């Protein structure tokens, strides 16, 4: 039951963040699906016992790939799906806990949580860049062959 609730809430999170950033109405459901797909992959990898960083990386990679597919299918920019899709993966609770520890004088715990938050954020960024670079490497030779 909690699995179903997590999937539904990640879908709603992606959908609502799509509303907040003004994505076109015709792709709001797809924004929810992108957010849910990333969270599902993240959750599955966490259940397999891998580290949180690796799970976030795999979830962000899936969000990036699905965003590109949907962007081409619905003829909108990739960021239309990236922003709402990554929102469920963003380490907000880690950032909150880091600041709470720092403000209450627990500096070591705060710095530890802050470094964890930074690593998770960089992991999301690396997944985005990796998918884009791999896609460009794959597509460039295909476009060159078409010109010949």
N, C-alpha and C. Protein backbone atom coordinates (compact mmCIF):
# COMPACT_ATOMS: atom_id res chain seq x y z
N UNK A 1 0.82 -1.20 0.00
CA UNK A 1 0.00 0.00 0.00
C UNK A 1 0.86 1.27 0.00
N UNK A 2 1.95 1.26 0.78
CA UNK A 2 2.80 2.45 0.80
C UNK A 2 3.48 2.67 -0.54
N UNK A 3 3.72 1.58 -1.28
CA UNK A 3 4.33 1.72 -2.60
C UNK A 3 3.40 2.52 -3.50
N UNK A 4 2.14 2.14 -3.50
CA UNK A 4 1.15 2.83 -4.33
C UNK A 4 1.02 4.29 -3.93
N UNK A 5 1.03 4.56 -2.64
CA UNK A 5 0.94 5.94 -2.16
C UNK A 5 2.16 6.75 -2.61
N UNK A 6 3.35 6.15 -2.54
CA UNK A 6 4.56 6.86 -2.99
C UNK A 6 4.50 7.17 -4.47
N UNK A 7 4.03 6.22 -5.27
CA UNK A 7 3.94 6.44 -6.71
C UNK A 7 2.93 7.53 -7.04
N UNK A 8 1.79 7.49 -6.36
CA UNK A 8 0.76 8.51 -6.61
C UNK A 8 1.24 9.88 -6.17
N UNK A 9 1.87 9.96 -5.01
CA UNK A 9 2.33 11.28 -4.54
C UNK A 9 3.47 11.82 -5.41
N UNK A 10 4.33 10.95 -5.94
CA UNK A 10 5.37 11.45 -6.84
C UNK A 10 4.76 11.93 -8.15
N UNK A 11 3.71 11.27 -8.62
CA UNK A 11 2.99 11.74 -9.82
C UNK A 11 2.37 13.11 -9.55
N UNK A 12 1.71 13.24 -8.41
CA UNK A 12 1.05 14.52 -8.06
C UNK A 12 2.09 15.61 -7.88
N UNK A 13 3.24 15.28 -7.29
CA UNK A 13 4.30 16.27 -7.11
C UNK A 13 4.79 16.80 -8.45
N UNK A 14 5.06 15.90 -9.39
CA UNK A 14 5.49 16.33 -10.73
C UNK A 14 4.43 17.16 -11.42
N UNK A 15 3.18 16.73 -11.31
CA UNK A 15 2.07 17.45 -11.94
C UNK A 15 1.91 18.85 -11.33
N UNK A 16 1.92 18.93 -10.01
CA UNK A 16 1.74 20.23 -9.35
C UNK A 16 2.91 21.17 -9.61
N UNK A 17 4.12 20.65 -9.64
CA UNK A 17 5.25 21.52 -9.95
C UNK A 17 5.17 21.98 -11.39
N UNK A 18 4.63 21.15 -12.27
CA UNK A 18 4.38 21.58 -13.65
C UNK A 18 3.41 22.74 -13.70
N UNK A 19 2.40 22.72 -12.86
CA UNK A 19 1.46 23.83 -12.79
C UNK A 19 2.16 25.09 -12.29
N UNK A 20 3.01 24.93 -11.28
CA UNK A 20 3.71 26.08 -10.70
C UNK A 20 4.62 26.76 -11.73
N UNK A 21 5.31 25.97 -12.56
CA UNK A 21 6.24 26.56 -13.53
C UNK A 21 5.58 26.82 -14.88
N UNK A 22 4.26 26.74 -14.93
CA UNK A 22 3.48 27.10 -16.13
C UNK A 22 3.79 26.27 -17.36
N UNK A 23 3.83 24.97 -17.24
CA UNK A 23 3.97 24.15 -18.44
C UNK A 23 2.62 24.12 -19.15
N UNK A 24 2.61 23.89 -20.46
CA UNK A 24 1.33 23.84 -21.17
C UNK A 24 0.41 22.76 -20.60
N UNK A 25 -0.88 23.05 -20.58
CA UNK A 25 -1.85 22.11 -20.00
C UNK A 25 -1.84 20.76 -20.69
N UNK A 26 -1.57 20.75 -21.97
CA UNK A 26 -1.63 19.50 -22.72
C UNK A 26 -0.55 18.50 -22.31
N UNK A 27 0.47 18.94 -21.58
CA UNK A 27 1.54 18.03 -21.16
C UNK A 27 1.66 17.91 -19.64
N UNK A 28 0.66 18.37 -18.90
CA UNK A 28 0.74 18.28 -17.44
C UNK A 28 0.77 16.84 -16.95
N UNK A 29 -0.04 15.99 -17.54
CA UNK A 29 -0.06 14.59 -17.11
C UNK A 29 1.29 13.94 -17.38
N UNK A 30 1.90 14.29 -18.51
CA UNK A 30 3.21 13.73 -18.83
C UNK A 30 4.27 14.21 -17.83
N UNK A 31 4.14 15.45 -17.35
CA UNK A 31 5.06 15.94 -16.32
C UNK A 31 4.94 15.09 -15.06
N UNK A 32 3.72 14.75 -14.70
CA UNK A 32 3.52 13.86 -13.56
C UNK A 32 4.13 12.48 -13.79
N UNK A 33 3.99 11.97 -15.01
CA UNK A 33 4.56 10.66 -15.34
C UNK A 33 6.08 10.68 -15.28
N UNK A 34 6.68 11.78 -15.73
CA UNK A 34 8.14 11.90 -15.67
C UNK A 34 8.61 11.91 -14.22
N UNK A 35 7.94 12.70 -13.38
CA UNK A 35 8.30 12.73 -11.96
C UNK A 35 8.13 11.38 -11.30
N UNK A 36 7.04 10.70 -11.65
CA UNK A 36 6.79 9.39 -11.08
C UNK A 36 7.83 8.37 -11.55
N UNK A 37 8.21 8.43 -12.82
CA UNK A 37 9.18 7.46 -13.34
C UNK A 37 10.53 7.60 -12.62
N UNK A 38 10.96 8.82 -12.40
CA UNK A 38 12.21 9.03 -11.68
C UNK A 38 12.15 8.53 -10.25
N UNK A 39 11.03 8.80 -9.59
CA UNK A 39 10.89 8.37 -8.20
C UNK A 39 10.79 6.85 -8.11
N UNK A 40 10.08 6.21 -9.06
CA UNK A 40 9.95 4.76 -9.06
C UNK A 40 11.33 4.10 -9.20
N UNK A 41 12.13 4.60 -10.13
CA UNK A 41 13.47 4.03 -10.32
C UNK A 41 14.32 4.27 -9.07
N UNK A 42 14.26 5.47 -8.51
CA UNK A 42 14.99 5.78 -7.28
C UNK A 42 14.56 4.82 -6.17
N UNK A 43 13.29 4.63 -5.99
CA UNK A 43 12.76 3.77 -4.94
C UNK A 43 13.18 2.32 -5.15
N UNK A 44 13.09 1.85 -6.41
CA UNK A 44 13.47 0.47 -6.70
C UNK A 44 14.94 0.22 -6.38
N UNK A 45 15.81 1.15 -6.75
CA UNK A 45 17.23 0.96 -6.46
C UNK A 45 17.49 1.03 -4.96
N UNK A 46 16.77 1.87 -4.24
CA UNK A 46 16.94 1.90 -2.78
C UNK A 46 16.50 0.58 -2.16
N UNK A 47 15.44 -0.03 -2.70
CA UNK A 47 14.98 -1.32 -2.20
C UNK A 47 15.99 -2.43 -2.47
N UNK A 48 16.77 -2.27 -3.54
CA UNK A 48 17.82 -3.25 -3.85
C UNK A 48 19.03 -3.11 -2.93
N UNK A 49 19.07 -2.04 -2.15
CA UNK A 49 20.14 -1.86 -1.17
C UNK A 49 21.33 -1.06 -1.66
N UNK A 50 21.18 -0.35 -2.77
CA UNK A 50 22.30 0.47 -3.24
C UNK A 50 22.33 1.78 -2.46
N UNK A 51 23.39 2.54 -2.64
CA UNK A 51 23.51 3.81 -1.93
C UNK A 51 22.50 4.82 -2.47
N UNK A 52 22.22 5.81 -1.66
CA UNK A 52 21.26 6.84 -2.06
C UNK A 52 21.76 7.63 -3.26
N UNK A 53 23.05 7.85 -3.33
CA UNK A 53 23.62 8.61 -4.45
C UNK A 53 23.41 7.85 -5.76
N UNK A 54 23.69 6.56 -5.76
CA UNK A 54 23.50 5.76 -6.97
C UNK A 54 22.02 5.70 -7.36
N UNK A 55 21.13 5.56 -6.38
CA UNK A 55 19.69 5.51 -6.66
C UNK A 55 19.21 6.83 -7.26
N UNK A 56 19.67 7.95 -6.70
CA UNK A 56 19.31 9.26 -7.25
C UNK A 56 19.86 9.41 -8.66
N UNK A 57 21.08 8.95 -8.89
CA UNK A 57 21.68 9.04 -10.23
C UNK A 57 20.84 8.27 -11.24
N UNK A 58 20.44 7.07 -10.90
CA UNK A 58 19.65 6.26 -11.83
C UNK A 58 18.27 6.89 -12.05
N UNK A 59 17.65 7.40 -10.99
CA UNK A 59 16.37 8.08 -11.15
C UNK A 59 16.48 9.32 -12.01
N UNK A 60 17.53 10.10 -11.80
CA UNK A 60 17.73 11.31 -12.60
C UNK A 60 18.05 10.97 -14.05
N UNK A 61 18.75 9.88 -14.28
CA UNK A 61 19.03 9.45 -15.65
C UNK A 61 17.74 9.09 -16.36
N UNK A 62 16.87 8.37 -15.67
CA UNK A 62 15.57 8.01 -16.27
C UNK A 62 14.74 9.25 -16.54
N UNK A 63 14.72 10.19 -15.60
CA UNK A 63 13.98 11.44 -15.82
C UNK A 63 14.51 12.17 -17.04
N UNK A 64 15.82 12.22 -17.18
CA UNK A 64 16.42 12.91 -18.33
C UNK A 64 16.05 12.23 -19.64
N UNK A 65 16.11 10.92 -19.68
CA UNK A 65 15.78 10.18 -20.91
C UNK A 65 14.31 10.33 -21.26
N UNK A 66 13.44 10.15 -20.27
CA UNK A 66 12.00 10.26 -20.52
C UNK A 66 11.64 11.69 -20.91
N UNK A 67 12.31 12.67 -20.33
CA UNK A 67 12.06 14.07 -20.69
C UNK A 67 12.39 14.34 -22.15
N UNK A 68 13.50 13.79 -22.61
CA UNK A 68 13.88 13.97 -24.01
C UNK A 68 12.86 13.29 -24.94
N UNK A 69 12.45 12.09 -24.57
CA UNK A 69 11.46 11.38 -25.40
C UNK A 69 10.15 12.15 -25.46
N UNK A 70 9.65 12.59 -24.31
CA UNK A 70 8.39 13.34 -24.29
C UNK A 70 8.53 14.69 -25.00
N UNK A 71 9.68 15.34 -24.85
CA UNK A 71 9.88 16.64 -25.50
C UNK A 71 9.80 16.50 -27.01
N UNK A 72 10.37 15.46 -27.53
CA UNK A 72 10.30 15.24 -28.98
C UNK A 72 8.89 14.84 -29.41
N UNK A 73 8.25 14.03 -28.61
CA UNK A 73 6.90 13.56 -28.95
C UNK A 73 5.89 14.70 -28.95
N UNK A 74 5.97 15.58 -27.96
CA UNK A 74 4.98 16.66 -27.81
C UNK A 74 5.49 18.00 -28.31
N UNK A 75 6.69 18.03 -28.88
CA UNK A 75 7.27 19.23 -29.49
C UNK A 75 7.30 20.43 -28.53
N UNK A 76 7.91 20.20 -27.39
CA UNK A 76 8.13 21.24 -26.39
C UNK A 76 9.59 21.13 -25.93
N UNK A 77 10.13 22.17 -25.29
CA UNK A 77 11.52 22.08 -24.79
C UNK A 77 11.67 20.99 -23.72
N UNK A 78 12.86 20.46 -23.63
CA UNK A 78 13.13 19.39 -22.66
C UNK A 78 12.91 19.86 -21.23
N UNK A 79 13.21 21.12 -20.96
CA UNK A 79 13.04 21.63 -19.60
C UNK A 79 11.58 21.62 -19.15
N UNK A 80 10.66 21.55 -20.10
CA UNK A 80 9.24 21.45 -19.75
C UNK A 80 9.01 20.22 -18.88
N UNK A 81 9.73 19.15 -19.17
CA UNK A 81 9.58 17.92 -18.39
C UNK A 81 10.68 17.74 -17.35
N UNK A 82 11.86 18.32 -17.60
CA UNK A 82 12.97 18.17 -16.64
C UNK A 82 12.64 18.78 -15.29
N UNK A 83 12.17 20.01 -15.28
CA UNK A 83 11.93 20.69 -14.00
C UNK A 83 10.92 19.95 -13.13
N UNK A 84 9.72 19.64 -13.63
CA UNK A 84 8.79 18.89 -12.78
C UNK A 84 9.27 17.46 -12.50
N UNK A 85 10.02 16.89 -13.42
CA UNK A 85 10.48 15.52 -13.24
C UNK A 85 11.53 15.35 -12.17
N UNK A 86 12.40 16.33 -12.03
CA UNK A 86 13.46 16.24 -11.03
C UNK A 86 12.99 16.66 -9.65
N UNK A 87 11.88 17.35 -9.58
CA UNK A 87 11.43 17.87 -8.29
C UNK A 87 11.25 16.79 -7.22
N UNK A 88 10.67 15.62 -7.53
CA UNK A 88 10.58 14.60 -6.47
C UNK A 88 11.93 14.05 -6.01
N UNK A 89 12.97 14.23 -6.82
CA UNK A 89 14.29 13.69 -6.47
C UNK A 89 15.15 14.69 -5.70
N UNK A 90 14.77 15.95 -5.69
CA UNK A 90 15.60 16.98 -5.06
C UNK A 90 15.68 16.72 -3.55
N UNK A 91 16.88 16.77 -2.99
CA UNK A 91 17.07 16.44 -1.58
C UNK A 91 16.68 17.59 -0.64
N UNK A 92 15.42 17.93 -0.61
CA UNK A 92 14.95 19.05 0.20
C UNK A 92 15.04 18.78 1.69
N UNK A 93 14.71 17.56 2.11
CA UNK A 93 14.74 17.27 3.54
C UNK A 93 16.17 17.29 4.07
N UNK A 94 17.13 16.89 3.24
CA UNK A 94 18.53 16.94 3.67
C UNK A 94 18.99 18.38 3.87
N UNK A 95 18.57 19.26 2.97
CA UNK A 95 18.93 20.67 3.10
C UNK A 95 18.29 21.27 4.35
N UNK A 96 17.04 20.92 4.59
CA UNK A 96 16.35 21.42 5.78
C UNK A 96 17.06 20.94 7.05
N UNK A 97 17.39 19.66 7.10
CA UNK A 97 18.05 19.11 8.28
C UNK A 97 19.43 19.72 8.48
N UNK A 98 20.13 19.98 7.39
CA UNK A 98 21.45 20.61 7.49
C UNK A 98 21.34 21.99 8.12
N UNK A 99 20.40 22.78 7.62
CA UNK A 99 20.23 24.12 8.18
C UNK A 99 19.74 24.08 9.62
N UNK A 100 18.86 23.13 9.94
CA UNK A 100 18.37 23.01 11.31
C UNK A 100 19.52 22.68 12.26
N UNK A 101 20.39 21.76 11.85
CA UNK A 101 21.54 21.40 12.69
C UNK A 101 22.49 22.58 12.84
N UNK A 102 22.75 23.29 11.75
CA UNK A 102 23.66 24.44 11.82
C UNK A 102 23.10 25.53 12.72
N UNK A 103 21.80 25.78 12.64
CA UNK A 103 21.19 26.84 13.45
C UNK A 103 21.11 26.46 14.93
N UNK A 104 21.05 25.17 15.23
CA UNK A 104 20.97 24.75 16.63
C UNK A 104 22.34 24.50 17.25
N UNK A 105 23.41 24.79 16.50
CA UNK A 105 24.75 24.67 17.05
C UNK A 105 25.40 23.31 16.86
N UNK A 106 24.74 22.39 16.20
CA UNK A 106 25.32 21.07 15.92
C UNK A 106 26.05 21.16 14.58
N UNK A 107 27.21 21.77 14.61
CA UNK A 107 27.92 22.09 13.37
C UNK A 107 28.40 20.86 12.61
N UNK A 108 28.87 19.85 13.30
CA UNK A 108 29.37 18.66 12.60
C UNK A 108 28.24 17.94 11.86
N UNK A 109 27.10 17.78 12.53
CA UNK A 109 25.96 17.14 11.87
C UNK A 109 25.46 17.99 10.71
N UNK A 110 25.47 19.30 10.90
CA UNK A 110 25.02 20.21 9.85
C UNK A 110 25.92 20.16 8.63
N UNK A 111 27.22 20.14 8.85
CA UNK A 111 28.16 20.07 7.72
C UNK A 111 28.04 18.72 7.02
N UNK A 112 27.83 17.66 7.80
CA UNK A 112 27.66 16.34 7.21
C UNK A 112 26.40 16.29 6.32
N UNK A 113 25.30 16.83 6.81
CA UNK A 113 24.06 16.85 6.02
C UNK A 113 24.20 17.78 4.82
N UNK A 114 24.91 18.87 5.00
CA UNK A 114 25.12 19.81 3.89
C UNK A 114 25.95 19.17 2.78
N UNK A 115 26.97 18.42 3.16
CA UNK A 115 27.78 17.75 2.14
C UNK A 115 26.99 16.65 1.45
N UNK A 116 26.12 15.96 2.18
CA UNK A 116 25.25 14.95 1.57
C UNK A 116 24.30 15.60 0.57
N UNK A 117 23.72 16.73 0.94
CA UNK A 117 22.82 17.45 0.05
C UNK A 117 23.55 17.90 -1.20
N UNK A 118 24.75 18.41 -1.03
CA UNK A 118 25.54 18.86 -2.17
C UNK A 118 25.88 17.69 -3.10
N UNK A 119 26.25 16.55 -2.53
CA UNK A 119 26.57 15.39 -3.36
C UNK A 119 25.34 14.91 -4.14
N UNK A 120 24.17 14.90 -3.50
CA UNK A 120 22.96 14.47 -4.20
C UNK A 120 22.59 15.45 -5.31
N UNK A 121 22.77 16.74 -5.06
CA UNK A 121 22.47 17.74 -6.08
C UNK A 121 23.42 17.62 -7.27
N UNK A 122 24.69 17.43 -6.99
CA UNK A 122 25.67 17.26 -8.06
C UNK A 122 25.39 15.97 -8.84
N UNK A 123 24.92 14.95 -8.16
CA UNK A 123 24.57 13.70 -8.83
C UNK A 123 23.45 13.91 -9.84
N UNK A 124 22.45 14.68 -9.47
CA UNK A 124 21.35 14.98 -10.40
C UNK A 124 21.89 15.74 -11.61
N UNK A 125 22.74 16.72 -11.36
CA UNK A 125 23.31 17.50 -12.47
C UNK A 125 24.17 16.62 -13.38
N UNK A 126 24.95 15.72 -12.80
CA UNK A 126 25.78 14.82 -13.61
C UNK A 126 24.93 13.90 -14.48
N UNK A 127 23.81 13.44 -13.95
CA UNK A 127 22.93 12.58 -14.74
C UNK A 127 22.37 13.33 -15.94
N UNK A 128 21.99 14.59 -15.73
CA UNK A 128 21.46 15.40 -16.84
C UNK A 128 22.53 15.56 -17.91
N UNK A 129 23.73 15.95 -17.50
CA UNK A 129 24.81 16.18 -18.45
C UNK A 129 25.19 14.89 -19.17
N UNK A 130 25.27 13.79 -18.44
CA UNK A 130 25.64 12.53 -19.05
C UNK A 130 24.67 12.11 -20.15
N UNK A 131 23.38 12.21 -19.88
CA UNK A 131 22.38 11.83 -20.88
C UNK A 131 22.47 12.74 -22.10
N UNK A 132 22.63 14.03 -21.87
CA UNK A 132 22.72 14.96 -23.00
C UNK A 132 23.96 14.70 -23.85
N UNK A 133 25.10 14.44 -23.22
CA UNK A 133 26.34 14.19 -23.96
C UNK A 133 26.23 12.88 -24.75
N UNK A 134 25.74 11.84 -24.12
CA UNK A 134 25.60 10.56 -24.82
C UNK A 134 24.64 10.70 -26.00
N UNK A 135 23.57 11.43 -25.81
CA UNK A 135 22.61 11.64 -26.90
C UNK A 135 23.24 12.39 -28.06
N UNK A 136 24.03 13.40 -27.77
CA UNK A 136 24.69 14.16 -28.84
C UNK A 136 25.73 13.31 -29.58
N UNK A 137 26.44 12.47 -28.85
CA UNK A 137 27.42 11.60 -29.49
C UNK A 137 26.72 10.59 -30.41
N UNK A 138 25.59 10.09 -29.98
CA UNK A 138 24.85 9.13 -30.79
C UNK A 138 24.22 9.81 -32.01
N UNK A 139 23.66 11.00 -31.82
CA UNK A 139 22.94 11.66 -32.91
C UNK A 139 23.85 12.31 -33.94
N UNK A 140 25.00 12.75 -33.57
CA UNK A 140 25.88 13.46 -34.51
C UNK A 140 26.25 12.60 -35.71
N UNK A 141 26.70 11.36 -35.53
CA UNK A 141 27.01 10.55 -36.72
C UNK A 141 25.77 10.29 -37.59
N UNK A 142 24.61 10.15 -36.97
CA UNK A 142 23.40 9.91 -37.74
C UNK A 142 23.07 11.11 -38.62
N UNK A 143 23.21 12.31 -38.09
CA UNK A 143 22.95 13.51 -38.88
C UNK A 143 23.98 13.68 -39.99
N UNK A 144 25.23 13.30 -39.73
CA UNK A 144 26.27 13.41 -40.74
C UNK A 144 26.00 12.46 -41.90
N UNK A 145 25.49 11.27 -41.63
CA UNK A 145 25.17 10.31 -42.68
C UNK A 145 24.01 10.79 -43.54
N UNK A 146 23.07 11.48 -42.94
CA UNK A 146 21.91 11.97 -43.69
C UNK A 146 22.35 13.02 -44.70
N UNK A 147 23.31 13.85 -44.37
CA UNK A 147 23.78 14.90 -45.27
C UNK A 147 24.48 14.34 -46.50
N UNK A 148 25.12 13.22 -46.36
CA UNK A 148 25.87 12.64 -47.48
C UNK A 148 24.90 12.14 -48.47
